Amino acid sequence: AYYYGGGLYMDGNNDVIVLPHNDSMNVGSSNALSVIAWFELANTKTNSVKNFVYKVAGNKGYNFYVKNKTVEVDLSPVAANNKLVLSTTQSSGLWTMAAFTYDGSTIRGYINGSLVNTSNGVANAFSDSIGHLYIGNSNTDNVMYGKIGHVQVYNTALSNNDIAVHFSDYRERYGI
């Protein structure tokens, strides 16, 4: 990966940023989590998965990715309500801010600062992961092809207003 055009360019082969496990990137004592990622896809082929944030070890953790042109999040252990689709049409060449929050029972998904979907009654509230945090890749495959602007992980559930303010504060940097 290298810095290019406002972000780290990932070539879709083997680029990855690995942050060693730290409890601050897990669900906090309040059983809450928020993740924000700015990204620009180089292509949006169908039948492909592009991870931009991945922190899973065994069946514990979270995965934030684009699959078949949709932004999705999985909380592990994966169950029907532990998966959320945020959007249906991600275009290549455009910066996007995607975020999700988890407050102990509900996943909320955001695109460009706006709430777009929720999943209530999250089954088997997901657990902390001792795994590393991967940016632009998982620990095995699903490599990002495009740019990662920045990623923020909070061990609290940000409010709708917090997410909207974050988008407003950074949108000019990414030409939105």
Protein backbone atom coordinates (compact mmCIF):
# COMPACT_ATOMS: atom_id res chain seq x y z
CA ALA A 1 0.00 0.00 0.00
CA TYR A 2 1.11 3.56 -0.58
CA TYR A 3 -0.39 7.03 -0.07
CA TYR A 4 -2.09 8.36 -3.20
CA GLY A 5 -4.95 10.78 -3.86
CA GLY A 6 -6.06 11.28 -0.26
CA GLY A 7 -5.72 7.72 0.97
CA LEU A 8 -3.70 4.55 1.16
CA TYR A 9 -3.91 2.82 -2.20
CA MET A 10 -4.48 -0.92 -1.96
CA ASP A 11 -3.78 -2.79 -5.21
CA GLY A 12 -6.09 -5.76 -4.60
CA ASN A 13 -3.26 -8.25 -4.25
CA ASN A 14 -1.76 -8.57 -0.77
CA ASP A 15 -1.85 -5.11 0.81
CA VAL A 16 -2.94 -4.96 4.42
CA ILE A 17 -2.49 -2.81 7.51
CA VAL A 18 -2.38 -4.88 10.71
CA LEU A 19 -2.85 -3.33 14.13
CA PRO A 20 -2.01 -5.76 16.95
CA HIS A 21 -4.83 -6.67 19.31
CA ASN A 22 -5.75 -3.98 21.80
CA ASP A 23 -8.77 -4.11 24.09
CA SER A 24 -9.71 -0.53 23.10
CA MET A 25 -10.74 -1.88 19.65
CA ASN A 26 -13.22 -4.32 21.21
CA VAL A 27 -16.71 -3.90 22.55
CA GLY A 28 -16.42 -1.70 25.61
CA SER A 29 -17.72 -2.40 29.10
CA SER A 30 -20.99 -0.84 27.94
CA ASN A 31 -21.22 -3.62 25.30
CA ALA A 32 -20.97 -1.03 22.53
CA LEU A 33 -18.87 -0.32 19.43
CA SER A 34 -18.65 2.12 16.51
CA VAL A 35 -16.52 1.84 13.36
CA ILE A 36 -16.11 4.53 10.69
CA ALA A 37 -14.26 3.97 7.42
CA TRP A 38 -13.65 6.24 4.42
CA PHE A 39 -12.92 4.33 1.22
CA GLU A 40 -12.89 4.59 -2.57
CA LEU A 41 -13.23 1.39 -4.58
CA ALA A 42 -11.14 0.93 -7.73
CA ASN A 43 -13.72 -1.50 -9.12
CA THR A 44 -17.00 -3.01 -7.99
CA LYS A 45 -17.05 -6.40 -9.65
CA THR A 46 -19.86 -8.70 -8.68
CA ASN A 47 -19.04 -11.87 -6.78
CA SER A 48 -16.24 -10.13 -4.92
CA VAL A 49 -15.67 -9.20 -1.29
CA LYS A 50 -13.48 -6.25 -0.33
CA ASN A 51 -12.78 -5.93 3.40
CA PHE A 52 -11.98 -2.54 4.78
CA VAL A 53 -12.09 -3.37 8.51
CA TYR A 54 -11.80 -6.90 9.90
CA LYS A 55 -11.31 -7.99 13.52
CA VAL A 56 -12.31 -11.61 14.02
CA ALA A 57 -10.68 -14.47 15.90
CA GLY A 58 -12.52 -17.77 15.92
CA ASN A 59 -16.18 -16.81 15.98
CA LYS A 60 -15.77 -13.50 17.80
CA GLY A 61 -15.43 -10.01 16.35
CA TYR A 62 -16.64 -7.90 13.44
CA ASN A 63 -16.17 -7.60 9.67
CA PHE A 64 -16.97 -4.44 7.63
CA TYR A 65 -16.79 -4.92 3.86
CA VAL A 66 -18.19 -4.44 0.35
CA LYS A 67 -19.74 -7.54 -1.20
CA ASN A 68 -21.25 -7.52 -4.69
CA LYS A 69 -21.40 -3.70 -4.64
CA THR A 70 -23.10 -3.49 -1.22
CA VAL A 71 -21.61 -2.31 2.07
CA GLU A 72 -22.24 -4.89 4.78
CA VAL A 73 -21.26 -5.57 8.38
CA ASP A 74 -21.21 -8.90 10.24
CA LEU A 75 -20.97 -9.23 13.99
CA SER A 76 -19.70 -12.63 15.08
CA PRO A 77 -20.98 -15.10 15.89
CA VAL A 78 -22.90 -14.50 12.66
CA ALA A 79 -26.66 -15.03 12.95
CA ALA A 80 -29.67 -13.65 11.07
CA ASN A 81 -29.83 -10.36 13.00
CA ASN A 82 -26.05 -10.01 13.32
CA LYS A 83 -25.69 -9.01 9.66
CA LEU A 84 -26.61 -5.61 8.22
CA VAL A 85 -26.63 -4.41 4.60
CA LEU A 86 -25.98 -0.66 4.45
CA SER A 87 -26.29 0.10 0.72
CA THR A 88 -27.04 -1.55 -2.59
CA THR A 89 -24.99 0.45 -5.09
CA GLN A 90 -21.35 1.27 -4.44
CA SER A 91 -19.73 2.91 -7.45
CA SER A 92 -16.03 2.76 -8.15
CA GLY A 93 -14.03 5.97 -8.12
CA LEU A 94 -16.15 7.75 -5.49
CA TRP A 95 -15.22 8.34 -1.86
CA THR A 96 -17.72 6.97 0.65
CA MET A 97 -17.96 7.17 4.41
CA ALA A 98 -19.47 4.00 5.86
CA ALA A 99 -20.09 3.53 9.56
CA PHE A 100 -21.82 1.17 11.93
CA THR A 101 -22.66 1.38 15.59
CA TYR A 102 -23.66 -1.35 18.02
CA ASP A 103 -25.27 -0.51 21.36
CA GLY A 104 -25.64 -3.98 22.83
CA SER A 105 -28.82 -4.90 20.95
CA THR A 106 -29.05 -2.90 17.69
CA ILE A 107 -26.70 -2.47 14.74
CA ARG A 108 -27.10 0.85 12.93
CA GLY A 109 -25.55 1.41 9.50
CA TYR A 110 -24.66 4.76 7.93
CA ILE A 111 -23.57 5.90 4.49
CA ASN A 112 -22.16 9.42 4.11
CA GLY A 113 -23.46 10.46 7.53
CA SER A 114 -27.05 9.27 7.08
CA LEU A 115 -28.68 6.35 8.86
CA VAL A 116 -29.63 3.82 6.17
CA ASN A 117 -30.51 0.60 8.00
CA THR A 118 -30.86 -1.02 11.41
CA SER A 119 -31.03 -4.55 12.77
CA ASN A 120 -32.76 -4.97 16.12
CA GLY A 121 -32.52 -7.87 18.51
CA VAL A 122 -28.99 -8.88 17.66
CA ALA A 123 -28.76 -12.59 18.45
CA ASN A 124 -26.08 -13.84 20.80
CA ALA A 125 -24.59 -10.42 21.39
CA PHE A 126 -21.20 -10.68 19.81
CA SER A 127 -18.09 -10.99 21.89
CA ASP A 128 -14.72 -9.37 22.08
CA SER A 129 -12.06 -10.67 19.77
CA ILE A 130 -8.44 -11.23 20.66
CA GLY A 131 -7.63 -10.97 16.95
CA HIS A 132 -5.66 -8.21 15.29
CA LEU A 133 -7.44 -5.39 13.46
CA TYR A 134 -6.94 -5.69 9.70
CA ILE A 135 -7.50 -2.71 7.41
CA GLY A 136 -7.89 -3.41 3.71
CA ASN A 137 -7.93 -7.18 4.06
CA SER A 138 -8.99 -10.03 6.29
CA ASN A 139 -6.39 -12.32 7.76
CA THR A 140 -6.70 -14.65 4.78
CA ASP A 141 -8.15 -13.00 1.66
CA ASN A 142 -10.78 -10.51 0.43
CA VAL A 143 -8.24 -7.81 -0.33
CA MET A 144 -9.33 -4.21 -0.82
CA TYR A 145 -8.78 -2.77 -4.30
CA GLY A 146 -8.96 1.00 -3.99
CA LYS A 147 -8.15 3.57 -1.32
CA ILE A 148 -8.68 3.70 2.42
CA GLY A 149 -8.87 7.27 3.70
CA HIS A 150 -9.01 6.61 7.40
CA VAL A 151 -10.59 4.25 9.90
CA GLN A 152 -11.80 5.03 13.40
CA VAL A 153 -12.86 2.47 16.03
CA TYR A 154 -14.67 3.48 19.23
CA ASN A 155 -15.66 1.20 22.12
CA THR A 156 -18.89 3.17 22.51
CA ALA A 157 -21.97 3.56 20.32
CA LEU A 158 -21.82 6.96 18.65
CA SER A 159 -25.11 8.81 18.20
CA ASN A 160 -26.73 9.61 14.84
CA ASN A 161 -25.59 13.19 15.36
CA ASP A 162 -21.98 12.11 16.08
CA ILE A 163 -21.88 10.21 12.78
CA ALA A 164 -23.41 13.13 10.85
CA VAL A 165 -20.91 15.57 12.37
CA HIS A 166 -18.01 13.26 11.49
CA PHE A 167 -19.19 13.16 7.87
CA SER A 168 -19.60 16.94 7.78
CA ASP A 169 -16.13 17.51 9.27
CA TYR A 170 -14.34 15.28 6.71
CA ARG A 171 -16.43 15.46 3.52
CA GLU A 172 -14.45 18.27 1.88
CA ARG A 173 -11.21 16.34 2.36
CA TYR A 174 -12.68 13.61 0.14
CA GLY A 175 -14.46 15.86 -2.36
CA ILE A 176 -18.01 15.02 -1.31
